Amino acid sequence: MEIRVLTSNSTRGVLEALAHKWGRASGNKVALTWDSAKAMLARIREGEKGDVVVLTENVVNELAADGVLWRASCRPFAAAKIGMAVRKDAPKPDISTVDALRSALLAAQSVAHTLHGASGMYVPVLLERLGIAAEMQPKIVNRPGGYIAEVVAKGEAEIALQQMPELLAVHGVDIVGPLPEEVQKLFVTSAGVFADSAHPGIAEAFLHYVLAPAQAAAFRQKGFEPPAAA
């Protein structure tokens, strides 16, 4: 049997890894579909169907309230912080404090973030909070969605800002670290089963498997904190 899981770019990596393990253990298959958080919500609103959805907590709650998801199935999935990446072997700036982060961004030639990803939409807010939005505007490199660190790996930008799991998924970059707590934003994701899923029992079994305490190490390896620790 095959179930379809709809998710965002941030949770793609951990779901791919765990879906493969579950498939070997259960004999079932997972067809994983991903997009930017904003685009995936639009696709679901336009009628795209599946069995499981993994998106930000507020979106899952909204879809459950509208009857798109089976409310009793909705549960926390994971949490992730925003981090910074630079090209592999490039010097890593100090971002251990808010002042150091501000200085690092001002010193950078270019800074990349997505337009429609959850973390990408926070970056303009971050720059306003740091008081450097105007100075940074000429340095910003945007892409609609996807793994923005790929832009850095190709040499098209000096710094990438995105959720840690998305930065870790890209080869050719080094992780500088998460943003300071004072300006950090934690992205909490949730999961749920579609109300009209053709295979609700199998969908539930999949979520039970991936969210079991035994999978915590897999979540952390991909840059997440699992639900119990989030």
Protein backbone atom coordinates (compact mmCIF):
# COMPACT_ATOMS: atom_id res chain seq x y z
CA MET A 1 0.00 0.00 0.00
CA GLU A 2 1.19 3.56 -0.73
CA ILE A 3 0.34 6.73 1.18
CA ARG A 4 0.99 10.28 0.04
CA VAL A 5 2.64 12.79 2.39
CA LEU A 6 2.52 16.53 1.64
CA THR A 7 5.11 18.68 3.38
CA SER A 8 7.42 21.69 3.14
CA ASN A 9 11.10 21.86 2.19
CA SER A 10 12.17 22.06 5.84
CA THR A 11 10.83 18.63 6.82
CA ARG A 12 11.61 16.91 3.53
CA GLY A 13 14.94 15.45 4.65
CA VAL A 14 13.83 13.82 7.89
CA LEU A 15 10.64 12.50 6.29
CA GLU A 16 12.58 10.96 3.41
CA ALA A 17 14.91 9.19 5.83
CA LEU A 18 12.16 7.91 8.11
CA ALA A 19 9.81 6.98 5.27
CA HIS A 20 12.51 4.74 3.84
CA LYS A 21 12.97 3.00 7.20
CA TRP A 22 9.22 2.62 7.72
CA GLY A 23 8.81 1.22 4.23
CA ARG A 24 11.34 -1.52 4.93
CA ALA A 25 9.72 -2.31 8.28
CA SER A 26 6.07 -2.21 7.16
CA GLY A 27 6.13 -3.19 3.52
CA ASN A 28 4.23 0.00 2.63
CA LYS A 29 5.42 2.91 0.52
CA VAL A 30 5.44 6.67 0.95
CA ALA A 31 5.10 9.12 -1.93
CA LEU A 32 6.55 12.34 -0.56
CA THR A 33 5.63 15.68 -2.14
CA TRP A 34 7.21 18.94 -0.97
CA ASP A 35 7.12 22.65 -1.74
CA SER A 36 7.64 25.92 0.09
CA ALA A 37 5.34 26.23 3.11
CA LYS A 38 3.26 28.96 1.46
CA ALA A 39 3.00 27.12 -1.85
CA MET A 40 2.07 23.80 -0.24
CA LEU A 41 -0.75 25.41 1.74
CA ALA A 42 -2.04 27.00 -1.47
CA ARG A 43 -1.93 23.63 -3.23
CA ILE A 44 -3.95 22.01 -0.45
CA ARG A 45 -6.43 24.90 -0.47
CA GLU A 46 -6.80 24.40 -4.22
CA GLY A 47 -7.77 20.78 -3.66
CA GLU A 48 -4.55 18.76 -3.73
CA LYS A 49 -5.12 15.50 -1.85
CA GLY A 50 -2.98 13.18 0.22
CA ASP A 51 -2.99 11.04 3.32
CA VAL A 52 -0.67 12.93 5.68
CA VAL A 53 0.35 16.57 5.92
CA VAL A 54 3.36 17.96 7.83
CA LEU A 55 3.44 21.76 7.94
CA THR A 56 3.74 24.55 10.48
CA GLU A 57 1.64 24.20 13.61
CA ASN A 58 -0.67 27.11 12.81
CA VAL A 59 -1.35 25.82 9.29
CA VAL A 60 -2.17 22.31 10.53
CA ASN A 61 -4.51 23.77 13.15
CA GLU A 62 -6.17 25.91 10.47
CA LEU A 63 -6.65 22.94 8.14
CA ALA A 64 -8.09 20.87 11.00
CA ALA A 65 -10.50 23.66 11.94
CA ASP A 66 -11.68 23.76 8.31
CA GLY A 67 -12.24 20.01 8.21
CA VAL A 68 -9.43 19.30 5.75
CA LEU A 69 -7.59 17.26 8.38
CA TRP A 70 -8.93 14.80 10.92
CA ARG A 71 -8.53 16.86 14.10
CA ALA A 72 -7.96 13.87 16.41
CA SER A 73 -4.96 12.85 14.29
CA CYS A 74 -3.11 16.19 14.58
CA ARG A 75 -0.03 16.19 16.78
CA PRO A 76 3.32 18.01 17.19
CA PHE A 77 6.00 16.93 14.73
CA ALA A 78 9.23 18.83 15.44
CA ALA A 79 10.82 22.23 15.98
CA ALA A 80 13.64 23.98 14.14
CA LYS A 81 15.66 27.17 14.53
CA ILE A 82 16.96 29.58 11.90
CA GLY A 83 20.66 29.39 11.20
CA MET A 84 23.38 30.76 8.96
CA ALA A 85 25.56 28.99 6.38
CA VAL A 86 28.57 30.05 4.32
CA ARG A 87 30.36 28.42 1.40
CA LYS A 88 32.44 25.40 2.38
CA ASP A 89 35.81 26.35 3.89
CA ALA A 90 34.94 30.07 3.87
CA PRO A 91 35.59 32.00 7.11
CA LYS A 92 32.71 31.69 9.57
CA PRO A 93 31.59 35.02 11.02
CA ASP A 94 30.89 35.43 14.72
CA ILE A 95 27.12 35.41 15.31
CA SER A 96 27.21 34.49 19.00
CA THR A 97 25.53 37.75 20.06
CA VAL A 98 23.02 40.11 18.51
CA ASP A 99 25.71 42.76 18.00
CA ALA A 100 28.03 40.21 16.38
CA LEU A 101 25.24 39.03 14.07
CA ARG A 102 24.47 42.61 13.06
CA SER A 103 28.13 43.24 12.29
CA ALA A 104 28.43 39.99 10.32
CA LEU A 105 25.44 40.83 8.13
CA LEU A 106 26.63 44.37 7.49
CA ALA A 107 30.09 43.09 6.55
CA ALA A 108 28.72 40.50 4.11
CA GLN A 109 28.70 41.21 0.38
CA SER A 110 25.38 39.37 -0.07
CA VAL A 111 22.80 37.52 2.01
CA ALA A 112 20.34 35.00 0.57
CA HIS A 113 16.89 33.98 1.81
CA THR A 114 13.71 32.61 0.26
CA LEU A 115 10.60 34.65 -0.39
CA HIS A 116 7.91 32.08 0.41
CA GLY A 117 9.51 29.72 2.91
CA ALA A 118 8.54 30.18 6.57
CA SER A 119 12.04 31.23 7.64
CA GLY A 120 12.56 33.35 4.52
CA MET A 121 9.55 35.44 5.39
CA TYR A 122 11.05 36.09 8.82
CA VAL A 123 14.36 37.46 7.50
CA PRO A 124 12.96 40.93 6.62
CA VAL A 125 11.49 41.04 10.15
CA LEU A 126 14.90 40.08 11.55
CA LEU A 127 16.65 42.83 9.63
CA GLU A 128 14.13 45.37 10.90
CA ARG A 129 14.68 44.18 14.46
CA LEU A 130 18.42 44.58 13.98
CA GLY A 131 17.89 48.09 12.60
CA ILE A 132 19.73 47.37 9.34
CA ALA A 133 16.93 46.73 6.84
CA ALA A 134 17.79 49.71 4.63
CA GLU A 135 21.51 48.98 4.59
CA MET A 136 20.93 45.33 3.75
CA GLN A 137 18.42 45.82 0.93
CA PRO A 138 21.02 46.09 -1.88
CA LYS A 139 22.76 42.94 -0.62
CA ILE A 140 19.73 40.64 -0.55
CA VAL A 141 19.56 37.66 -2.93
CA ASN A 142 16.12 36.03 -3.17
CA ARG A 143 14.70 32.83 -4.55
CA PRO A 144 11.00 31.87 -4.34
CA GLY A 145 11.65 28.76 -2.27
CA GLY A 146 13.81 25.65 -1.99
CA TYR A 147 17.15 25.21 -0.25
CA ILE A 148 18.60 28.71 -0.32
CA ALA A 149 22.06 27.51 0.72
CA GLU A 150 22.44 26.10 -2.80
CA VAL A 151 22.86 29.72 -3.90
CA VAL A 152 25.81 30.04 -1.51
CA ALA A 153 27.30 26.71 -2.61
CA LYS A 154 27.28 28.02 -6.21
CA GLY A 155 29.02 31.24 -5.18
CA GLU A 156 25.99 33.41 -5.95
CA ALA A 157 25.75 34.75 -2.38
CA GLU A 158 28.06 34.88 0.61
CA ILE A 159 25.62 33.99 3.40
CA ALA A 160 22.38 32.00 3.59
CA LEU A 161 19.73 32.34 6.29
CA GLN A 162 17.19 29.54 6.61
CA GLN A 163 15.95 26.86 8.97
CA MET A 164 18.78 24.62 10.16
CA PRO A 165 17.37 21.42 8.57
CA GLU A 166 17.31 23.11 5.17
CA LEU A 167 20.88 24.38 5.52
CA LEU A 168 22.09 20.93 6.59
CA ALA A 169 20.55 19.38 3.49
CA VAL A 170 22.91 21.25 1.15
CA HIS A 171 26.37 20.03 0.17
CA GLY A 172 29.11 22.57 -0.37
CA VAL A 173 28.33 24.81 2.61
CA ASP A 174 29.39 25.00 6.25
CA ILE A 175 26.96 25.76 9.05
CA VAL A 176 27.91 28.82 11.09
CA GLY A 177 25.28 28.07 13.71
CA PRO A 178 21.83 29.16 14.88
CA LEU A 179 20.94 32.82 15.37
CA PRO A 180 21.23 34.28 18.88
CA GLU A 181 18.25 33.45 21.08
CA GLU A 182 17.22 37.11 21.40
CA VAL A 183 16.39 37.28 17.68
CA GLN A 184 15.77 33.59 17.04
CA LYS A 185 12.45 32.29 15.76
CA LEU A 186 11.43 28.72 16.51
CA PHE A 187 9.39 27.03 13.82
CA VAL A 188 7.13 24.32 15.22
CA THR A 189 5.66 21.83 12.77
CA SER A 190 2.69 19.54 13.25
CA ALA A 191 1.33 16.54 11.41
CA GLY A 192 -2.17 15.31 10.66
CA VAL A 193 -4.16 12.87 8.55
CA PHE A 194 -6.41 14.13 5.76
CA ALA A 195 -10.09 13.77 6.65
CA ASP A 196 -10.74 12.09 3.31
CA SER A 197 -7.61 9.91 3.28
CA ALA A 198 -8.16 6.62 1.48
CA HIS A 199 -5.81 4.91 3.95
CA PRO A 200 -6.28 6.57 7.37
CA GLY A 201 -5.14 3.53 9.33
CA ILE A 202 -1.88 3.27 7.42
CA ALA A 203 -1.39 7.03 7.63
CA GLU A 204 -1.79 6.83 11.42
CA ALA A 205 0.64 3.93 11.60
CA PHE A 206 3.21 5.97 9.66
CA LEU A 207 2.92 8.94 12.02
CA HIS A 208 3.13 6.65 15.04
CA TYR A 209 6.36 5.20 13.65
CA VAL A 210 8.11 8.44 12.73
CA LEU A 211 7.16 10.19 15.98
CA ALA A 212 8.24 7.36 18.27
CA PRO A 213 11.00 8.22 20.80
CA ALA A 214 13.29 5.77 18.99
CA GLN A 215 13.48 8.19 16.04
CA ALA A 216 14.72 11.19 18.08
CA ALA A 217 18.31 10.75 16.87
CA ALA A 218 17.17 10.91 13.24
CA PHE A 219 15.40 14.20 13.92
CA ARG A 220 18.44 15.74 15.60
CA GLN A 221 20.75 14.57 12.81
CA LYS A 222 18.60 16.55 10.38
CA GLY A 223 18.61 19.71 12.52
CA PHE A 224 15.33 19.27 14.40
CA GLU A 225 14.29 18.87 17.98
CA PRO A 226 11.73 16.06 18.18
CA PRO A 227 8.33 16.71 19.81
CA ALA A 228 9.23 15.53 23.30
CA ALA A 229 12.19 17.92 23.44
CA ALA A 230 10.75 20.77 21.37
